[in-house]
């Protein structure tokens, strides 16, 4: 089994910055894609950023130029650096990993979410 744990959320003023972290543990052979999603109250979950094992990144338009997804020195860790935060960025942020486990079975795993609130 694979477990993901996010951290780094909190309350920040508009224009501020936060860095989210997600660390995986468990029986992982390889991580193919690391992603960040967010879900605001009453809205559908939205893909925010992805990072592939080859280093390719992609972002939803609303965060381009403000958010950066990166992998940590510990290869099971992914970060989401967020700058110039706006009230509309307020959401519960989730990480998701697409992995191959040690039995060579592919699967996707989600964290429990970390809350980001942007307000003055």
C-alpha atoms as a PDB file:
ATOM      1  CA  UNK A   1       0.000   0.000   0.000  1.00  0.00           C
ATOM      2  CA  UNK A   2       1.038   3.584  -0.669  1.00  0.00           C
ATOM      3  CA  UNK A   3       0.286   6.542   1.559  1.00  0.00           C
ATOM      4  CA  UNK A   4       0.569  10.235   0.718  1.00  0.00           C
ATOM      5  CA  UNK A   5       0.722  13.022   3.257  1.00  0.00           C
ATOM      6  CA  UNK A   6       0.421  16.710   2.417  1.00  0.00           C
ATOM      7  CA  UNK A   7       1.591  19.621   4.521  1.00  0.00           C
ATOM      8  CA  UNK A   8       2.149  23.336   4.226  1.00  0.00           C
ATOM      9  CA  UNK A   9      -1.365  24.716   3.930  1.00  0.00           C
ATOM     10  CA  UNK A  10      -2.601  27.650   5.941  1.00  0.00           C
ATOM     11  CA  UNK A  11      -4.060  31.119   5.931  1.00  0.00           C
ATOM     12  CA  UNK A  12      -2.274  33.740   3.874  1.00  0.00           C
ATOM     13  CA  UNK A  13      -3.069  37.268   2.732  1.00  0.00           C
ATOM     14  CA  UNK A  14      -3.607  38.040  -0.934  1.00  0.00           C
ATOM     15  CA  UNK A  15      -0.255  38.397  -2.667  1.00  0.00           C
ATOM     16  CA  UNK A  16       1.404  36.046  -0.225  1.00  0.00           C
ATOM     17  CA  UNK A  17       3.189  32.758  -0.772  1.00  0.00           C
ATOM     18  CA  UNK A  18       2.947  29.198   0.495  1.00  0.00           C
ATOM     19  CA  UNK A  19       4.761  25.982  -0.289  1.00  0.00           C
ATOM     20  CA  UNK A  20       2.868  22.718  -0.143  1.00  0.00           C
ATOM     21  CA  UNK A  21       4.661  19.415   0.315  1.00  0.00           C
ATOM     22  CA  UNK A  22       3.561  15.867  -0.368  1.00  0.00           C
ATOM     23  CA  UNK A  23       5.526  12.835   0.749  1.00  0.00           C
ATOM     24  CA  UNK A  24       4.831   9.241  -0.179  1.00  0.00           C
ATOM     25  CA  UNK A  25       5.556   6.114   1.796  1.00  0.00           C
ATOM     26  CA  UNK A  26       4.946   2.462   1.152  1.00  0.00           C
ATOM     27  CA  UNK A  27       5.787  -0.112  -1.453  1.00  0.00           C
ATOM     28  CA  UNK A  28       6.677   2.083  -4.409  1.00  0.00           C
ATOM     29  CA  UNK A  29       8.764   0.870  -7.327  1.00  0.00           C
ATOM     30  CA  UNK A  30       8.444   4.018  -9.422  1.00  0.00           C
ATOM     31  CA  UNK A  31       6.457   7.245  -9.530  1.00  0.00           C
ATOM     32  CA  UNK A  32       5.328   8.142 -13.021  1.00  0.00           C
ATOM     33  CA  UNK A  33       3.310  11.288 -12.467  1.00  0.00           C
ATOM     34  CA  UNK A  34       2.981  13.627  -9.489  1.00  0.00           C
ATOM     35  CA  UNK A  35       0.025  15.972  -9.490  1.00  0.00           C
ATOM     36  CA  UNK A  36      -1.640  18.629  -7.407  1.00  0.00           C
ATOM     37  CA  UNK A  37      -5.404  19.085  -7.485  1.00  0.00           C
ATOM     38  CA  UNK A  38      -7.657  21.462  -5.619  1.00  0.00           C
ATOM     39  CA  UNK A  39     -11.288  21.548  -4.731  1.00  0.00           C
ATOM     40  CA  UNK A  40     -13.170  24.590  -3.504  1.00  0.00           C
ATOM     41  CA  UNK A  41     -16.494  24.230  -1.662  1.00  0.00           C
ATOM     42  CA  UNK A  42     -19.289  23.407  -4.055  1.00  0.00           C
ATOM     43  CA  UNK A  43     -16.953  22.987  -6.992  1.00  0.00           C
ATOM     44  CA  UNK A  44     -15.444  20.064  -8.852  1.00  0.00           C
ATOM     45  CA  UNK A  45     -11.917  18.951  -8.186  1.00  0.00           C
ATOM     46  CA  UNK A  46      -9.511  20.754 -10.514  1.00  0.00           C
ATOM     47  CA  UNK A  47      -6.115  19.659 -11.802  1.00  0.00           C
ATOM     48  CA  UNK A  48      -3.616  22.373 -10.862  1.00  0.00           C
ATOM     49  CA  UNK A  49      -0.194  21.045 -11.871  1.00  0.00           C
ATOM     50  CA  UNK A  50       1.529  17.882 -13.008  1.00  0.00           C
ATOM     51  CA  UNK A  51       5.121  16.683 -13.062  1.00  0.00           C
ATOM     52  CA  UNK A  52       6.147  13.600 -14.994  1.00  0.00           C
ATOM     53  CA  UNK A  53       9.076  11.313 -14.241  1.00  0.00           C
ATOM     54  CA  UNK A  54      10.855  12.801 -17.242  1.00  0.00           C
ATOM     55  CA  UNK A  55      10.567  16.270 -15.756  1.00  0.00           C
ATOM     56  CA  UNK A  56       7.762  17.675 -17.876  1.00  0.00           C
ATOM     57  CA  UNK A  57       5.398  20.044 -16.131  1.00  0.00           C
ATOM     58  CA  UNK A  58       1.976  21.388 -16.932  1.00  0.00           C
ATOM     59  CA  UNK A  59      -0.278  23.895 -15.199  1.00  0.00           C
ATOM     60  CA  UNK A  60      -3.834  25.020 -15.375  1.00  0.00           C
ATOM     61  CA  UNK A  61      -4.032  28.451 -16.956  1.00  0.00           C
ATOM     62  CA  UNK A  62      -5.119  30.266 -13.815  1.00  0.00           C
ATOM     63  CA  UNK A  63      -1.887  29.442 -11.964  1.00  0.00           C
ATOM     64  CA  UNK A  64       0.679  29.735 -14.752  1.00  0.00           C
ATOM     65  CA  UNK A  65       3.467  32.085 -13.765  1.00  0.00           C
ATOM     66  CA  UNK A  66       2.489  31.927 -10.090  1.00  0.00           C
ATOM     67  CA  UNK A  67       2.774  28.237  -9.102  1.00  0.00           C
ATOM     68  CA  UNK A  68       5.698  25.867  -9.572  1.00  0.00           C
ATOM     69  CA  UNK A  69       5.641  22.110  -9.144  1.00  0.00           C
ATOM     70  CA  UNK A  70       8.941  20.420  -8.366  1.00  0.00           C
ATOM     71  CA  UNK A  71      10.353  17.207  -7.035  1.00  0.00           C
ATOM     72  CA  UNK A  72      12.367  17.085  -3.873  1.00  0.00           C
ATOM     73  CA  UNK A  73      15.830  15.652  -3.338  1.00  0.00           C
ATOM     74  CA  UNK A  74      13.977  12.767  -1.747  1.00  0.00           C
ATOM     75  CA  UNK A  75      12.357  11.478  -4.894  1.00  0.00           C
ATOM     76  CA  UNK A  76       9.110  10.551  -3.183  1.00  0.00           C
ATOM     77  CA  UNK A  77       8.434  14.218  -2.345  1.00  0.00           C
ATOM     78  CA  UNK A  78       6.721  16.808  -4.510  1.00  0.00           C
ATOM     79  CA  UNK A  79       6.292  20.496  -3.802  1.00  0.00           C
ATOM     80  CA  UNK A  80       3.894  23.147  -5.003  1.00  0.00           C
ATOM     81  CA  UNK A  81       5.369  26.604  -4.578  1.00  0.00           C
ATOM     82  CA  UNK A  82       2.613  29.197  -4.771  1.00  0.00           C
ATOM     83  CA  UNK A  83       3.254  32.918  -5.171  1.00  0.00           C
ATOM     84  CA  UNK A  84       0.970  35.914  -5.564  1.00  0.00           C
ATOM     85  CA  UNK A  85      -1.904  34.002  -4.053  1.00  0.00           C
ATOM     86  CA  UNK A  86      -5.421  35.220  -4.762  1.00  0.00           C
ATOM     87  CA  UNK A  87      -8.684  34.677  -2.886  1.00  0.00           C
ATOM     88  CA  UNK A  88      -9.836  32.411  -5.713  1.00  0.00           C
ATOM     89  CA  UNK A  89      -6.946  30.062  -4.910  1.00  0.00           C
ATOM     90  CA  UNK A  90      -8.681  29.179  -1.660  1.00  0.00           C
ATOM     91  CA  UNK A  91      -9.260  25.435  -1.778  1.00  0.00           C
ATOM     92  CA  UNK A  92      -8.437  22.093  -0.309  1.00  0.00           C
ATOM     93  CA  UNK A  93      -5.279  20.977  -2.124  1.00  0.00           C
ATOM     94  CA  UNK A  94      -4.598  17.308  -2.793  1.00  0.00           C
ATOM     95  CA  UNK A  95      -1.574  15.516  -4.175  1.00  0.00           C
ATOM     96  CA  UNK A  96      -1.945  12.468  -6.374  1.00  0.00           C
ATOM     97  CA  UNK A  97       0.727  10.041  -7.477  1.00  0.00           C
ATOM     98  CA  UNK A  98       0.496   7.601 -10.370  1.00  0.00           C
ATOM     99  CA  UNK A  99       2.849   4.832  -9.317  1.00  0.00           C
ATOM    100  CA  UNK A 100       4.015   1.332  -9.994  1.00  0.00           C
ATOM    101  CA  UNK A 101       4.319  -0.653  -6.799  1.00  0.00           C
ATOM    102  CA  UNK A 102       6.851  -3.334  -5.985  1.00  0.00           C
ATOM    103  CA  UNK A 103       4.560  -6.013  -7.398  1.00  0.00           C
ATOM    104  CA  UNK A 104       4.590  -4.106 -10.725  1.00  0.00           C
ATOM    105  CA  UNK A 105       0.964  -3.075 -10.378  1.00  0.00           C
ATOM    106  CA  UNK A 106       0.035   0.442 -11.452  1.00  0.00           C
ATOM    107  CA  UNK A 107      -2.251   2.576  -9.378  1.00  0.00           C
ATOM    108  CA  UNK A 108      -3.066   6.080  -8.300  1.00  0.00           C
ATOM    109  CA  UNK A 109      -3.027   7.307  -4.741  1.00  0.00           C
ATOM    110  CA  UNK A 110      -4.339  10.460  -3.120  1.00  0.00           C
ATOM    111  CA  UNK A 111      -3.445  12.424  -0.063  1.00  0.00           C
ATOM    112  CA  UNK A 112      -6.000  13.621   2.469  1.00  0.00           C
ATOM    113  CA  UNK A 113      -5.713  17.259   1.467  1.00  0.00           C
ATOM    114  CA  UNK A 114      -4.342  20.430   2.987  1.00  0.00           C
ATOM    115  CA  UNK A 115      -6.340  23.638   3.222  1.00  0.00           C
ATOM    116  CA  UNK A 116      -5.139  26.845   1.633  1.00  0.00           C
ATOM    117  CA  UNK A 117      -7.117  29.946   2.555  1.00  0.00           C
ATOM    118  CA  UNK A 118      -6.321  33.316   0.979  1.00  0.00           C
ATOM    119  CA  UNK A 119      -7.973  36.201   2.745  1.00  0.00           C
ATOM    120  CA  UNK A 120      -7.220  39.624   4.161  1.00  0.00           C
END
